[in-house]
Amino acid sequence: VEVPRFYDKEERRTEESSYYKLLHEIAKPSEIILKKIIKGLSQRDYEEVTRSVLESFGISQSSISRAFIEESKKLLEEFEQRDLGEHDFIALVIDGKYLSHENIVIALGITMSGVKAPLGFIQTTSENSEAIKGLLKNLIGRNFRFEEGLLTIIDGSKGLKKAVKETFGKFTLTQRCQWHKRENVVSYLREEEKEIYRGKIQRAYNEPDYET
């Protein structure tokens, strides 16, 4: 919030929000806590995750009911075990993101109607093919259908490409993410040239054919 205040028209005065101030006084989770949360998610130790979240905000276990911990554990389990068969996925986006210096590979599905749905994720030291295949096989085990054709979008990683090919075979068409490709190209340019060539590359992407 750029201006953390509000104006009282009746009293004709400006006041600071005490609740907003309290939010800023909450200590940020430590790196140790964040790693515990990530480890719990990747190993499906959902109860440990919820306990770690409570620790990160300085909340003692005695101040939270067991019902909250059990309900949070249940929701995380449901997310990781959802049946994907009810959706008609036509595309799959796979990308790695860093959270507290840990690499998390995320699988995002896109349905026939254009709805994006997070499907699953794993923690891995690198985007190696064996780890990614484990993620993809988990999706298939949850009835992720791909036999009618699937567009897979990745960042260009050889490990990702190999895992996708070995898992989905002839049923998938793999495309390198345009954003990753564009940023890889402009990374070799001087700072003052980057925005110029970002625009040129994006305009090239938007062309319907190569004849213009």
N, C-alpha and C. Protein backbone atom coordinates (compact mmCIF):
# COMPACT_ATOMS: atom_id res chain seq x y z
N VAL A 1 0.86 -1.18 0.00
CA VAL A 1 0.00 0.00 0.00
C VAL A 1 0.89 1.23 0.00
N GLU A 2 0.80 2.05 -1.06
CA GLU A 2 1.68 3.22 -1.17
C GLU A 2 1.38 4.26 -0.10
N VAL A 3 0.09 4.48 0.20
CA VAL A 3 -0.30 5.46 1.22
C VAL A 3 -1.13 4.71 2.27
N PRO A 4 -0.48 4.21 3.33
CA PRO A 4 -1.18 3.38 4.32
C PRO A 4 -2.02 4.21 5.29
N ARG A 5 -2.90 5.06 4.76
CA ARG A 5 -3.76 5.90 5.59
C ARG A 5 -5.13 5.99 4.93
N PHE A 6 -6.12 6.42 5.69
CA PHE A 6 -7.44 6.66 5.12
C PHE A 6 -8.00 7.96 5.68
N TYR A 7 -8.91 8.57 4.94
CA TYR A 7 -9.47 9.87 5.30
C TYR A 7 -10.89 9.70 5.83
N ASP A 8 -11.11 10.19 7.05
CA ASP A 8 -12.42 10.16 7.68
C ASP A 8 -13.18 11.43 7.28
N LYS A 9 -14.17 11.27 6.38
CA LYS A 9 -14.89 12.44 5.87
C LYS A 9 -15.71 13.12 6.95
N GLU A 10 -16.27 12.34 7.87
CA GLU A 10 -17.10 12.93 8.91
C GLU A 10 -16.25 13.74 9.90
N GLU A 11 -15.12 13.17 10.31
CA GLU A 11 -14.24 13.87 11.25
C GLU A 11 -13.27 14.82 10.55
N ARG A 12 -13.21 14.68 9.20
CA ARG A 12 -12.31 15.50 8.39
C ARG A 12 -10.86 15.41 8.88
N ARG A 13 -10.42 14.17 8.99
CA ARG A 13 -9.03 13.97 9.41
C ARG A 13 -8.48 12.69 8.79
N THR A 14 -7.16 12.63 8.68
CA THR A 14 -6.47 11.47 8.12
C THR A 14 -5.99 10.58 9.26
N GLU A 15 -6.22 9.29 9.14
CA GLU A 15 -5.83 8.35 10.19
C GLU A 15 -5.00 7.21 9.61
N GLU A 16 -4.14 6.69 10.43
CA GLU A 16 -3.33 5.53 10.04
C GLU A 16 -4.03 4.27 10.50
N SER A 17 -4.00 3.23 9.66
CA SER A 17 -4.65 1.97 10.00
C SER A 17 -3.76 1.18 10.97
N SER A 18 -4.30 0.91 12.14
CA SER A 18 -3.55 0.14 13.15
C SER A 18 -3.35 -1.29 12.70
N TYR A 19 -4.34 -1.83 11.93
CA TYR A 19 -4.24 -3.21 11.47
C TYR A 19 -3.12 -3.37 10.44
N TYR A 20 -2.97 -2.37 9.56
CA TYR A 20 -1.91 -2.43 8.56
C TYR A 20 -0.54 -2.39 9.24
N LYS A 21 -0.45 -1.58 10.29
CA LYS A 21 0.81 -1.48 11.04
C LYS A 21 1.16 -2.81 11.69
N LEU A 22 0.14 -3.50 12.24
CA LEU A 22 0.37 -4.79 12.87
C LEU A 22 0.88 -5.83 11.88
N LEU A 23 0.38 -5.77 10.64
CA LEU A 23 0.83 -6.72 9.62
C LEU A 23 2.33 -6.58 9.37
N HIS A 24 2.82 -5.36 9.40
CA HIS A 24 4.25 -5.14 9.16
C HIS A 24 5.11 -5.56 10.34
N GLU A 25 4.51 -5.76 11.47
CA GLU A 25 5.27 -6.17 12.66
C GLU A 25 5.43 -7.68 12.75
N ILE A 26 4.73 -8.41 11.87
CA ILE A 26 4.86 -9.87 11.86
C ILE A 26 6.23 -10.25 11.29
N ALA A 27 6.97 -11.02 12.02
CA ALA A 27 8.32 -11.41 11.57
C ALA A 27 8.23 -12.33 10.36
N LYS A 28 9.16 -12.14 9.42
CA LYS A 28 9.18 -12.98 8.23
C LYS A 28 9.65 -14.39 8.60
N PRO A 29 9.11 -15.40 7.94
CA PRO A 29 9.55 -16.77 8.22
C PRO A 29 11.05 -16.93 7.95
N SER A 30 11.72 -17.65 8.82
CA SER A 30 13.15 -17.86 8.63
C SER A 30 13.39 -18.84 7.49
N GLU A 31 14.62 -18.86 7.00
CA GLU A 31 14.97 -19.76 5.90
C GLU A 31 14.83 -21.22 6.32
N ILE A 32 15.13 -21.51 7.60
CA ILE A 32 15.00 -22.88 8.11
C ILE A 32 13.54 -23.33 8.06
N ILE A 33 12.63 -22.42 8.47
CA ILE A 33 11.21 -22.74 8.45
C ILE A 33 10.73 -22.98 7.03
N LEU A 34 11.16 -22.11 6.09
CA LEU A 34 10.74 -22.25 4.70
C LEU A 34 11.20 -23.59 4.13
N LYS A 35 12.42 -23.99 4.45
CA LYS A 35 12.92 -25.27 3.94
C LYS A 35 12.15 -26.44 4.52
N LYS A 36 11.73 -26.31 5.79
CA LYS A 36 10.93 -27.37 6.40
C LYS A 36 9.58 -27.49 5.71
N ILE A 37 8.99 -26.34 5.34
CA ILE A 37 7.71 -26.36 4.64
C ILE A 37 7.85 -27.03 3.28
N ILE A 38 8.90 -26.64 2.54
CA ILE A 38 9.14 -27.20 1.21
C ILE A 38 9.38 -28.71 1.29
N LYS A 39 10.18 -29.11 2.27
CA LYS A 39 10.48 -30.54 2.44
C LYS A 39 9.21 -31.32 2.75
N GLY A 40 8.37 -30.75 3.58
CA GLY A 40 7.12 -31.41 3.92
C GLY A 40 6.21 -31.58 2.73
N LEU A 41 6.13 -30.56 1.88
CA LEU A 41 5.29 -30.63 0.69
C LEU A 41 5.81 -31.67 -0.29
N SER A 42 7.14 -31.64 -0.53
CA SER A 42 7.70 -32.55 -1.52
C SER A 42 7.62 -34.01 -1.07
N GLN A 43 7.65 -34.24 0.25
CA GLN A 43 7.57 -35.61 0.77
C GLN A 43 6.16 -35.98 1.22
N ARG A 44 5.21 -35.07 0.93
CA ARG A 44 3.80 -35.28 1.28
C ARG A 44 3.59 -35.47 2.78
N ASP A 45 4.46 -34.84 3.59
CA ASP A 45 4.29 -34.86 5.04
C ASP A 45 3.47 -33.63 5.41
N TYR A 46 2.18 -33.71 5.16
CA TYR A 46 1.33 -32.53 5.24
C TYR A 46 1.18 -32.00 6.68
N GLU A 47 1.19 -32.89 7.63
CA GLU A 47 1.06 -32.44 9.01
C GLU A 47 2.26 -31.61 9.43
N GLU A 48 3.45 -32.02 9.00
CA GLU A 48 4.66 -31.27 9.31
C GLU A 48 4.62 -29.89 8.66
N VAL A 49 4.05 -29.81 7.46
CA VAL A 49 3.94 -28.52 6.78
C VAL A 49 3.12 -27.55 7.60
N THR A 50 1.95 -27.99 8.05
CA THR A 50 1.09 -27.09 8.80
C THR A 50 1.72 -26.66 10.12
N ARG A 51 2.44 -27.57 10.75
CA ARG A 51 3.13 -27.19 11.99
C ARG A 51 4.22 -26.14 11.70
N SER A 52 4.93 -26.31 10.58
CA SER A 52 5.98 -25.36 10.22
C SER A 52 5.42 -23.98 9.92
N VAL A 53 4.24 -23.95 9.26
CA VAL A 53 3.60 -22.66 8.98
C VAL A 53 3.26 -21.95 10.27
N LEU A 54 2.76 -22.70 11.25
CA LEU A 54 2.43 -22.09 12.54
C LEU A 54 3.68 -21.53 13.20
N GLU A 55 4.78 -22.28 13.15
CA GLU A 55 6.04 -21.83 13.74
C GLU A 55 6.53 -20.56 13.08
N SER A 56 6.34 -20.46 11.76
CA SER A 56 6.88 -19.32 11.01
C SER A 56 6.26 -18.01 11.44
N PHE A 57 5.05 -18.05 11.98
CA PHE A 57 4.40 -16.82 12.43
C PHE A 57 4.38 -16.71 13.95
N GLY A 58 5.22 -17.51 14.60
CA GLY A 58 5.35 -17.39 16.04
C GLY A 58 4.13 -17.85 16.82
N ILE A 59 3.33 -18.74 16.24
CA ILE A 59 2.13 -19.22 16.92
C ILE A 59 2.46 -20.54 17.59
N SER A 60 2.26 -20.62 18.87
CA SER A 60 2.57 -21.87 19.57
C SER A 60 1.51 -22.90 19.24
N GLN A 61 1.93 -24.14 19.30
CA GLN A 61 1.00 -25.22 18.97
C GLN A 61 -0.17 -25.25 19.95
N SER A 62 0.10 -24.86 21.20
CA SER A 62 -0.96 -24.90 22.21
C SER A 62 -2.06 -23.88 21.94
N SER A 63 -1.73 -22.85 21.11
CA SER A 63 -2.73 -21.81 20.84
C SER A 63 -3.59 -22.14 19.62
N ILE A 64 -3.30 -23.25 18.98
CA ILE A 64 -4.06 -23.66 17.79
C ILE A 64 -4.71 -25.01 18.05
N SER A 65 -5.93 -25.13 17.66
CA SER A 65 -6.64 -26.39 17.89
C SER A 65 -6.14 -27.47 16.95
N ARG A 66 -6.23 -28.71 17.40
CA ARG A 66 -5.85 -29.84 16.57
C ARG A 66 -6.73 -29.93 15.32
N ALA A 67 -7.95 -29.41 15.44
CA ALA A 67 -8.86 -29.44 14.30
C ALA A 67 -8.31 -28.65 13.13
N PHE A 68 -7.65 -27.51 13.41
CA PHE A 68 -7.08 -26.70 12.34
C PHE A 68 -5.96 -27.47 11.63
N ILE A 69 -5.09 -28.10 12.40
CA ILE A 69 -3.97 -28.86 11.83
C ILE A 69 -4.50 -30.00 10.96
N GLU A 70 -5.50 -30.71 11.47
CA GLU A 70 -6.04 -31.82 10.71
C GLU A 70 -6.73 -31.36 9.43
N GLU A 71 -7.43 -30.23 9.50
CA GLU A 71 -8.13 -29.72 8.32
C GLU A 71 -7.13 -29.25 7.26
N SER A 72 -6.05 -28.60 7.69
CA SER A 72 -5.03 -28.15 6.74
C SER A 72 -4.34 -29.33 6.08
N LYS A 73 -4.06 -30.34 6.87
CA LYS A 73 -3.45 -31.56 6.34
C LYS A 73 -4.37 -32.19 5.29
N LYS A 74 -5.66 -32.21 5.58
CA LYS A 74 -6.64 -32.80 4.67
C LYS A 74 -6.68 -32.04 3.34
N LEU A 75 -6.64 -30.70 3.39
CA LEU A 75 -6.70 -29.90 2.17
C LEU A 75 -5.48 -30.11 1.29
N LEU A 76 -4.30 -30.23 1.90
CA LEU A 76 -3.08 -30.46 1.12
C LEU A 76 -3.10 -31.85 0.48
N GLU A 77 -3.61 -32.82 1.23
CA GLU A 77 -3.72 -34.17 0.68
C GLU A 77 -4.68 -34.19 -0.52
N GLU A 78 -5.79 -33.48 -0.39
CA GLU A 78 -6.77 -33.42 -1.47
C GLU A 78 -6.18 -32.80 -2.72
N PHE A 79 -5.35 -31.77 -2.55
CA PHE A 79 -4.73 -31.11 -3.69
C PHE A 79 -3.80 -32.06 -4.44
N GLU A 80 -3.02 -32.83 -3.71
CA GLU A 80 -2.05 -33.73 -4.32
C GLU A 80 -2.67 -35.03 -4.84
N GLN A 81 -3.89 -35.32 -4.43
CA GLN A 81 -4.52 -36.58 -4.81
C GLN A 81 -5.77 -36.39 -5.67
N ARG A 82 -6.01 -35.18 -6.15
CA ARG A 82 -7.21 -34.92 -6.95
C ARG A 82 -7.26 -35.80 -8.21
N ASP A 83 -8.46 -36.23 -8.55
CA ASP A 83 -8.67 -36.98 -9.78
C ASP A 83 -8.71 -35.98 -10.94
N LEU A 84 -7.78 -36.11 -11.88
CA LEU A 84 -7.69 -35.17 -13.00
C LEU A 84 -8.51 -35.61 -14.21
N GLY A 85 -9.17 -36.76 -14.11
CA GLY A 85 -9.89 -37.32 -15.24
C GLY A 85 -11.11 -36.52 -15.66
N GLU A 86 -11.64 -35.69 -14.78
CA GLU A 86 -12.85 -34.94 -15.12
C GLU A 86 -12.56 -33.73 -16.00
N HIS A 87 -11.29 -33.42 -16.22
CA HIS A 87 -10.91 -32.27 -17.05
C HIS A 87 -10.37 -32.73 -18.40
N ASP A 88 -10.60 -31.91 -19.42
CA ASP A 88 -10.10 -32.19 -20.76
C ASP A 88 -8.91 -31.28 -21.03
N PHE A 89 -7.72 -31.74 -20.66
CA PHE A 89 -6.51 -30.93 -20.81
C PHE A 89 -5.96 -31.05 -22.22
N ILE A 90 -5.61 -29.90 -22.80
CA ILE A 90 -5.02 -29.90 -24.14
C ILE A 90 -3.57 -29.39 -24.11
N ALA A 91 -3.15 -28.79 -22.98
CA ALA A 91 -1.79 -28.28 -22.88
C ALA A 91 -1.27 -28.45 -21.46
N LEU A 92 0.05 -28.57 -21.36
CA LEU A 92 0.71 -28.74 -20.07
C LEU A 92 1.93 -27.84 -20.05
N VAL A 93 2.00 -26.95 -19.07
CA VAL A 93 3.14 -26.06 -18.89
C VAL A 93 3.97 -26.57 -17.72
N ILE A 94 5.27 -26.78 -17.94
CA ILE A 94 6.16 -27.26 -16.88
C ILE A 94 7.30 -26.27 -16.73
N ASP A 95 7.50 -25.79 -15.51
CA ASP A 95 8.56 -24.80 -15.30
C ASP A 95 9.08 -24.91 -13.87
N GLY A 96 10.33 -24.52 -13.69
CA GLY A 96 10.94 -24.53 -12.37
C GLY A 96 11.00 -23.13 -11.78
N LYS A 97 10.66 -23.01 -10.51
CA LYS A 97 10.72 -21.74 -9.79
C LYS A 97 11.50 -21.95 -8.50
N TYR A 98 12.23 -20.91 -8.09
CA TYR A 98 13.01 -21.02 -6.87
C TYR A 98 12.25 -20.41 -5.70
N LEU A 99 12.14 -21.16 -4.61
CA LEU A 99 11.53 -20.70 -3.37
C LEU A 99 12.51 -20.96 -2.24
N SER A 100 12.99 -19.86 -1.65
CA SER A 100 13.99 -19.97 -0.57
C SER A 100 15.17 -20.84 -0.99
N HIS A 101 15.67 -20.58 -2.21
CA HIS A 101 16.85 -21.25 -2.78
C HIS A 101 16.60 -22.73 -3.10
N GLU A 102 15.35 -23.16 -3.07
CA GLU A 102 15.01 -24.53 -3.43
C GLU A 102 14.27 -24.52 -4.77
N ASN A 103 14.64 -25.43 -5.66
CA ASN A 103 14.01 -25.49 -6.98
C ASN A 103 12.73 -26.31 -6.92
N ILE A 104 11.61 -25.66 -7.26
CA ILE A 104 10.31 -26.32 -7.28
C ILE A 104 9.84 -26.38 -8.72
N VAL A 105 9.63 -27.58 -9.26
CA VAL A 105 9.12 -27.75 -10.62
C VAL A 105 7.60 -27.90 -10.56
N ILE A 106 6.91 -27.03 -11.28
CA ILE A 106 5.45 -26.95 -11.22
C ILE A 106 4.84 -27.40 -12.54
N ALA A 107 3.77 -28.17 -12.47
CA ALA A 107 3.03 -28.59 -13.66
C ALA A 107 1.68 -27.87 -13.65
N LEU A 108 1.40 -27.14 -14.73
CA LEU A 108 0.16 -26.38 -14.86
C LEU A 108 -0.60 -26.86 -16.09
N GLY A 109 -1.83 -27.30 -15.94
CA GLY A 109 -2.62 -27.78 -17.05
C GLY A 109 -3.53 -26.70 -17.60
N ILE A 110 -3.80 -26.76 -18.91
CA ILE A 110 -4.73 -25.84 -19.55
C ILE A 110 -5.82 -26.68 -20.23
N THR A 111 -7.08 -26.40 -19.90
CA THR A 111 -8.19 -27.19 -20.42
C THR A 111 -8.63 -26.69 -21.79
N MET A 112 -9.52 -27.43 -22.41
CA MET A 112 -10.08 -27.09 -23.71
C MET A 112 -10.74 -25.71 -23.69
N SER A 113 -11.33 -25.34 -22.54
CA SER A 113 -12.02 -24.05 -22.42
C SER A 113 -11.09 -22.92 -21.98
N GLY A 114 -9.78 -23.22 -21.84
CA GLY A 114 -8.82 -22.18 -21.50
C GLY A 114 -8.57 -21.98 -20.01
N VAL A 115 -9.14 -22.84 -19.19
CA VAL A 115 -8.95 -22.73 -17.74
C VAL A 115 -7.59 -23.31 -17.36
N LYS A 116 -6.84 -22.54 -16.54
CA LYS A 116 -5.53 -23.01 -16.06
C LYS A 116 -5.70 -23.64 -14.68
N ALA A 117 -5.10 -24.80 -14.50
CA ALA A 117 -5.23 -25.51 -13.23
C ALA A 117 -3.88 -26.06 -12.78
N PRO A 118 -3.40 -25.68 -11.59
CA PRO A 118 -2.17 -26.27 -11.07
C PRO A 118 -2.39 -27.74 -10.77
N LEU A 119 -1.51 -28.59 -11.28
CA LEU A 119 -1.72 -30.03 -11.17
C LEU A 119 -0.85 -30.68 -10.10
N GLY A 120 0.39 -30.22 -9.98
CA GLY A 120 1.29 -30.81 -9.01
C GLY A 120 2.64 -30.15 -9.05
N PHE A 121 3.52 -30.54 -8.13
CA PHE A 121 4.86 -29.97 -8.09
C PHE A 121 5.78 -30.91 -7.33
N ILE A 122 7.07 -30.75 -7.57
CA ILE A 122 8.08 -31.51 -6.84
C ILE A 122 9.25 -30.59 -6.50
N GLN A 123 10.00 -30.97 -5.49
CA GLN A 123 11.24 -30.28 -5.16
C GLN A 123 12.39 -31.10 -5.74
N THR A 124 13.28 -30.45 -6.47
CA THR A 124 14.40 -31.16 -7.07
C THR A 124 15.58 -30.21 -7.20
N THR A 125 16.78 -30.74 -7.10
CA THR A 125 17.97 -29.89 -7.17
C THR A 125 18.18 -29.32 -8.56
N SER A 126 17.66 -30.01 -9.57
CA SER A 126 17.78 -29.53 -10.95
C SER A 126 16.62 -30.10 -11.76
N GLU A 127 16.44 -29.59 -12.97
CA GLU A 127 15.36 -30.07 -13.82
C GLU A 127 15.80 -31.34 -14.55
N ASN A 128 16.17 -32.39 -13.76
CA ASN A 128 16.64 -33.63 -14.38
C ASN A 128 15.46 -34.49 -14.80
N SER A 129 15.69 -35.31 -15.81
CA SER A 129 14.60 -36.05 -16.44
C SER A 129 13.93 -37.05 -15.50
N GLU A 130 14.69 -37.72 -14.65
CA GLU A 130 14.11 -38.74 -13.78
C GLU A 130 13.13 -38.14 -12.78
N ALA A 131 13.51 -37.00 -12.21
CA ALA A 131 12.62 -36.35 -11.24
C ALA A 131 11.35 -35.86 -11.94
N ILE A 132 11.49 -35.30 -13.14
CA ILE A 132 10.33 -34.79 -13.87
C ILE A 132 9.42 -35.94 -14.29
N LYS A 133 10.01 -37.06 -14.69
CA LYS A 133 9.20 -38.22 -15.07
C LYS A 133 8.36 -38.70 -13.89
N GLY A 134 8.94 -38.62 -12.69
CA GLY A 134 8.19 -39.00 -11.50
C GLY A 134 6.96 -38.11 -11.32
N LEU A 135 7.12 -36.81 -11.57
CA LEU A 135 6.00 -35.88 -11.48
C LEU A 135 4.94 -36.20 -12.53
N LEU A 136 5.38 -36.44 -13.77
CA LEU A 136 4.43 -36.70 -14.87
C LEU A 136 3.70 -38.03 -14.67
N LYS A 137 4.39 -39.03 -14.18
CA LYS A 137 3.74 -40.32 -13.93
C LYS A 137 2.72 -40.22 -12.81
N ASN A 138 3.00 -39.33 -11.85
CA ASN A 138 2.03 -39.09 -10.79
C ASN A 138 0.75 -38.50 -11.35
N LEU A 139 0.89 -37.60 -12.35
CA LEU A 139 -0.29 -37.01 -12.98
C LEU A 139 -1.09 -38.07 -13.73
N ILE A 140 -0.37 -38.94 -14.45
CA ILE A 140 -1.04 -40.00 -15.20
C ILE A 140 -1.76 -40.95 -14.25
N GLY A 141 -1.13 -41.22 -13.11
CA GLY A 141 -1.77 -42.07 -12.10
C GLY A 141 -3.03 -41.45 -11.53
N ARG A 142 -3.18 -40.16 -11.69
CA ARG A 142 -4.39 -39.45 -11.23
C ARG A 142 -5.32 -39.16 -12.41
N ASN A 143 -5.19 -39.96 -13.46
CA ASN A 143 -6.08 -39.93 -14.63
C ASN A 143 -5.90 -38.69 -15.52
N PHE A 144 -4.68 -38.20 -15.59
CA PHE A 144 -4.39 -37.13 -16.54
C PHE A 144 -4.37 -37.74 -17.95
N ARG A 145 -5.30 -37.33 -18.81
CA ARG A 145 -5.43 -37.92 -20.14
C ARG A 145 -4.60 -37.13 -21.16
N PHE A 146 -3.85 -37.86 -22.00
CA PHE A 146 -3.01 -37.21 -23.00
C PHE A 146 -3.04 -37.93 -24.34
N GLU A 147 -3.72 -39.08 -24.41
CA GLU A 147 -3.68 -39.92 -25.61
C GLU A 147 -4.32 -39.26 -26.84
N GLU A 148 -5.16 -38.24 -26.64
CA GLU A 148 -5.78 -37.57 -27.78
C GLU A 148 -4.94 -36.40 -28.28
N GLY A 149 -3.78 -36.21 -27.70
CA GLY A 149 -2.88 -35.13 -28.12
C GLY A 149 -2.69 -34.09 -27.03
N LEU A 150 -1.45 -33.63 -26.89
CA LEU A 150 -1.13 -32.69 -25.82
C LEU A 150 -0.01 -31.76 -26.28
N LEU A 151 -0.19 -30.47 -26.06
CA LEU A 151 0.86 -29.48 -26.29
C LEU A 151 1.59 -29.27 -24.98
N THR A 152 2.89 -29.53 -24.96
CA THR A 152 3.68 -29.34 -23.75
C THR A 152 4.61 -28.15 -23.93
N ILE A 153 4.57 -27.21 -23.01
CA ILE A 153 5.38 -25.99 -23.09
C ILE A 153 6.42 -26.03 -21.97
N ILE A 154 7.70 -25.95 -22.36
CA ILE A 154 8.79 -26.01 -21.39
C ILE A 154 9.78 -24.87 -21.65
N ASP A 155 10.76 -24.74 -20.76
CA ASP A 155 11.70 -23.62 -20.86
C ASP A 155 12.94 -23.92 -21.70
N GLY A 156 13.01 -25.08 -22.30
CA GLY A 156 14.17 -25.42 -23.12
C GLY A 156 15.13 -26.37 -22.44
N SER A 157 14.89 -26.70 -21.18
CA SER A 157 15.75 -27.62 -20.44
C SER A 157 15.76 -28.99 -21.11
N LYS A 158 16.95 -29.54 -21.30
CA LYS A 158 17.08 -30.87 -21.92
C LYS A 158 16.43 -31.94 -21.06
N GLY A 159 16.55 -31.78 -19.72
CA GLY A 159 15.95 -32.75 -18.82
C GLY A 159 14.44 -32.77 -18.93
N LEU A 160 13.83 -31.58 -19.04
CA LEU A 160 12.38 -31.49 -19.20
C LEU A 160 11.95 -32.11 -20.52
N LYS A 161 12.66 -31.77 -21.58
CA LYS A 161 12.30 -32.28 -22.90
C LYS A 161 12.39 -33.80 -22.95
N LYS A 162 13.43 -34.36 -22.37
CA LYS A 162 13.60 -35.81 -22.35
C LYS A 162 12.49 -36.49 -21.56
N ALA A 163 12.16 -35.93 -20.40
CA ALA A 163 11.13 -36.52 -19.55
C ALA A 163 9.78 -36.50 -20.25
N VAL A 164 9.46 -35.39 -20.91
CA VAL A 164 8.18 -35.27 -21.63
C VAL A 164 8.11 -36.29 -22.76
N LYS A 165 9.20 -36.41 -23.53
CA LYS A 165 9.22 -37.33 -24.68
C LYS A 165 9.08 -38.77 -24.22
N GLU A 166 9.81 -39.14 -23.16
CA GLU A 166 9.78 -40.52 -22.70
C GLU A 166 8.46 -40.87 -22.01
N THR A 167 7.77 -39.88 -21.47
CA THR A 167 6.51 -40.15 -20.77
C THR A 167 5.32 -40.14 -21.71
N PHE A 168 5.23 -39.12 -22.58
CA PHE A 168 4.06 -38.96 -23.44
C PHE A 168 4.28 -39.46 -24.86
N GLY A 169 5.54 -39.66 -25.25
CA GLY A 169 5.86 -40.22 -26.56
C GLY A 169 5.26 -39.45 -27.73
N LYS A 170 4.63 -40.18 -28.66
CA LYS A 170 4.10 -39.58 -29.88
C LYS A 170 2.86 -38.73 -29.66
N PHE A 171 2.33 -38.75 -28.45
CA PHE A 171 1.08 -38.04 -28.18
C PHE A 171 1.28 -36.56 -27.84
N THR A 172 2.52 -36.12 -27.76
CA THR A 172 2.75 -34.73 -27.37
C THR A 172 3.56 -33.97 -28.41
N LEU A 173 3.27 -32.69 -28.51
CA LEU A 173 4.06 -31.75 -29.31
C LEU A 173 4.68 -30.77 -28.33
N THR A 174 6.00 -30.67 -28.34
CA THR A 174 6.69 -29.84 -27.36
C THR A 174 7.08 -28.50 -27.96
N GLN A 175 6.79 -27.44 -27.24
CA GLN A 175 7.14 -26.09 -27.68
C GLN A 175 7.94 -25.41 -26.58
N ARG A 176 8.99 -24.70 -27.00
CA ARG A 176 9.75 -23.94 -26.02
C ARG A 176 8.99 -22.66 -25.67
N CYS A 177 8.93 -22.34 -24.41
CA CYS A 177 8.23 -21.15 -23.94
C CYS A 177 8.80 -19.90 -24.60
N GLN A 178 7.96 -19.09 -25.20
CA GLN A 178 8.41 -17.88 -25.90
C GLN A 178 9.06 -16.89 -24.95
N TRP A 179 8.53 -16.80 -23.75
CA TRP A 179 9.09 -15.85 -22.78
C TRP A 179 10.53 -16.23 -22.43
N HIS A 180 10.76 -17.52 -22.17
CA HIS A 180 12.11 -17.98 -21.84
C HIS A 180 13.07 -17.76 -23.02
N LYS A 181 12.60 -18.05 -24.22
CA LYS A 181 13.44 -17.87 -25.40
C LYS A 181 13.80 -16.41 -25.59
N ARG A 182 12.82 -15.52 -25.46
CA ARG A 182 13.05 -14.09 -25.62
C ARG A 182 14.05 -13.58 -24.59
N GLU A 183 13.86 -13.96 -23.32
CA GLU A 183 14.76 -13.48 -22.26
C GLU A 183 16.16 -14.05 -22.41
N ASN A 184 16.26 -15.26 -22.95
CA ASN A 184 17.58 -15.84 -23.19
C ASN A 184 18.33 -15.05 -24.26
N VAL A 185 17.60 -14.63 -25.30
CA VAL A 185 18.22 -13.85 -26.39
C VAL A 185 18.67 -12.48 -25.89
N VAL A 186 17.80 -11.76 -25.19
CA VAL A 186 18.15 -10.39 -24.78
C VAL A 186 19.20 -10.36 -23.68
N SER A 187 19.42 -11.49 -23.01
CA SER A 187 20.43 -11.51 -21.94
C SER A 187 21.83 -11.27 -22.48
N TYR A 188 22.04 -11.46 -23.81
CA TYR A 188 23.36 -11.24 -24.41
C TYR A 188 23.55 -9.78 -24.84
N LEU A 189 22.52 -8.95 -24.70
CA LEU A 189 22.58 -7.57 -25.19
C LEU A 189 22.89 -6.58 -24.07
N ARG A 190 23.29 -5.37 -24.49
CA ARG A 190 23.51 -4.30 -23.52
C ARG A 190 22.18 -3.87 -22.93
N GLU A 191 22.20 -3.32 -21.73
CA GLU A 191 20.98 -2.94 -21.02
C GLU A 191 20.10 -2.03 -21.84
N GLU A 192 20.71 -1.04 -22.53
CA GLU A 192 19.92 -0.07 -23.29
C GLU A 192 19.27 -0.67 -24.54
N GLU A 193 19.72 -1.87 -24.93
CA GLU A 193 19.16 -2.51 -26.12
C GLU A 193 18.06 -3.53 -25.80
N LYS A 194 17.98 -3.95 -24.53
CA LYS A 194 17.09 -5.06 -24.18
C LYS A 194 15.63 -4.78 -24.48
N GLU A 195 15.12 -3.62 -24.07
CA GLU A 195 13.71 -3.33 -24.29
C GLU A 195 13.38 -3.22 -25.78
N ILE A 196 14.32 -2.67 -26.56
CA ILE A 196 14.10 -2.54 -28.00
C ILE A 196 13.90 -3.91 -28.63
N TYR A 197 14.80 -4.85 -28.28
CA TYR A 197 14.73 -6.16 -28.90
C TYR A 197 13.65 -7.05 -28.29
N ARG A 198 13.25 -6.78 -27.05
CA ARG A 198 12.08 -7.48 -26.50
C ARG A 198 10.86 -7.18 -27.36
N GLY A 199 10.71 -5.91 -27.73
CA GLY A 199 9.58 -5.51 -28.57
C GLY A 199 9.65 -6.14 -29.94
N LYS A 200 10.86 -6.16 -30.55
CA LYS A 200 11.01 -6.74 -31.89
C LYS A 200 10.71 -8.24 -31.88
N ILE A 201 11.21 -8.93 -30.86
CA ILE A 201 10.96 -10.38 -30.79
C ILE A 201 9.49 -10.66 -30.57
N GLN A 202 8.84 -9.86 -29.71
CA GLN A 202 7.43 -10.07 -29.44
C GLN A 202 6.58 -9.83 -30.68
N ARG A 203 6.94 -8.80 -31.46
CA ARG A 203 6.21 -8.53 -32.71
C ARG A 203 6.39 -9.67 -33.70
N ALA A 204 7.58 -10.25 -33.70
CA ALA A 204 7.82 -11.41 -34.58
C ALA A 204 6.96 -12.60 -34.15
N TYR A 205 6.83 -12.81 -32.83
CA TYR A 205 5.98 -13.88 -32.32
C TYR A 205 4.54 -13.69 -32.77
N ASN A 206 4.10 -12.44 -32.82
CA ASN A 206 2.69 -12.14 -33.14
C ASN A 206 2.35 -12.27 -34.61
N GLU A 207 3.35 -12.40 -35.48
CA GLU A 207 3.09 -12.55 -36.91
C GLU A 207 2.51 -13.94 -37.21
N PRO A 208 1.50 -14.01 -38.06
CA PRO A 208 0.86 -15.31 -38.36
C PRO A 208 1.69 -16.22 -39.26
N ASP A 209 2.65 -15.64 -40.02
CA ASP A 209 3.49 -16.45 -40.90
C ASP A 209 4.85 -15.78 -41.05
N TYR A 210 5.70 -16.38 -41.88
CA TYR A 210 7.06 -15.88 -42.04
C TYR A 210 7.23 -15.03 -43.29
N GLU A 211 6.16 -14.66 -43.95
CA GLU A 211 6.27 -13.97 -45.23
C GLU A 211 6.23 -12.45 -45.10
N THR A 212 5.91 -11.93 -43.91
CA THR A 212 5.78 -10.47 -43.75
C THR A 212 7.14 -9.83 -43.51
